[in-house]
Amino acid sequence: MIKQKRGMSGWIWILIILLVLVIGGVVAYLLLSGNGSAILGGGNSIPQPPALPN
């Protein structure tokens, strides 16, 4: 019984580590691709429309 509980906690730790790696990878990708301003809150994610001609 204790052995089974220990095995379950091992799987839970593996899943947590994989989740952290996936989230970290997505954040790193967005930061490196230039779309990270939405994550950091530093910029507006909506682009400005082009200026109207006079």
Protein backbone atom coordinates (compact mmCIF):
# COMPACT_ATOMS: atom_id res chain seq x y z
CA MET A 1 0.00 0.00 0.00
CA ILE A 2 2.76 2.44 0.91
CA LYS A 3 4.72 1.38 -2.18
CA GLN A 4 1.77 2.23 -4.41
CA LYS A 5 1.36 5.67 -2.79
CA ARG A 6 5.06 6.36 -3.34
CA GLY A 7 4.72 5.41 -7.01
CA MET A 8 1.79 7.76 -7.43
CA SER A 9 3.70 10.67 -5.91
CA GLY A 10 6.57 9.97 -8.30
CA TRP A 11 4.22 10.25 -11.28
CA ILE A 12 2.75 13.45 -9.86
CA TRP A 13 6.24 14.99 -9.54
CA ILE A 14 7.08 13.96 -13.10
CA LEU A 15 3.86 15.57 -14.37
CA ILE A 16 4.55 18.79 -12.41
CA ILE A 17 8.09 19.01 -13.80
CA LEU A 18 6.86 18.42 -17.36
CA LEU A 19 4.17 21.08 -16.93
CA VAL A 20 6.73 23.61 -15.67
CA LEU A 21 9.04 22.82 -18.59
CA VAL A 22 6.24 23.21 -21.13
CA ILE A 23 5.06 26.52 -19.65
CA GLY A 24 8.65 27.79 -19.46
CA GLY A 25 9.23 26.78 -23.06
CA VAL A 26 6.13 28.63 -24.26
CA VAL A 27 7.12 31.76 -22.32
CA ALA A 28 10.69 31.61 -23.66
CA TYR A 29 9.40 31.15 -27.22
CA LEU A 30 7.09 34.15 -26.94
CA LEU A 31 9.83 36.31 -25.46
CA LEU A 32 12.33 35.31 -28.15
CA SER A 33 9.84 35.73 -30.99
CA GLY A 34 9.00 39.28 -29.90
CA ASN A 35 5.43 38.59 -28.80
CA GLY A 36 6.35 38.58 -25.12
CA SER A 37 5.12 42.10 -24.45
CA ALA A 38 1.65 40.67 -23.82
CA ILE A 39 3.07 38.39 -21.10
CA LEU A 40 5.16 41.11 -19.48
CA GLY A 41 2.34 43.65 -19.72
CA GLY A 42 4.73 46.21 -21.20
CA GLY A 43 3.01 46.78 -24.52
CA ASN A 44 -0.34 46.81 -26.21
CA SER A 45 -1.07 43.55 -28.02
CA ILE A 46 -3.47 45.32 -30.44
CA PRO A 47 -1.52 46.81 -33.38
CA GLN A 48 -2.18 50.41 -34.39
CA PRO A 49 -4.04 50.87 -37.68
CA PRO A 50 -2.21 52.64 -40.51
CA ALA A 51 -2.53 56.42 -40.68
CA LEU A 52 -5.25 57.79 -42.91
CA PRO A 53 -4.12 59.66 -46.04
CA ASN A 54 -4.76 63.42 -46.13
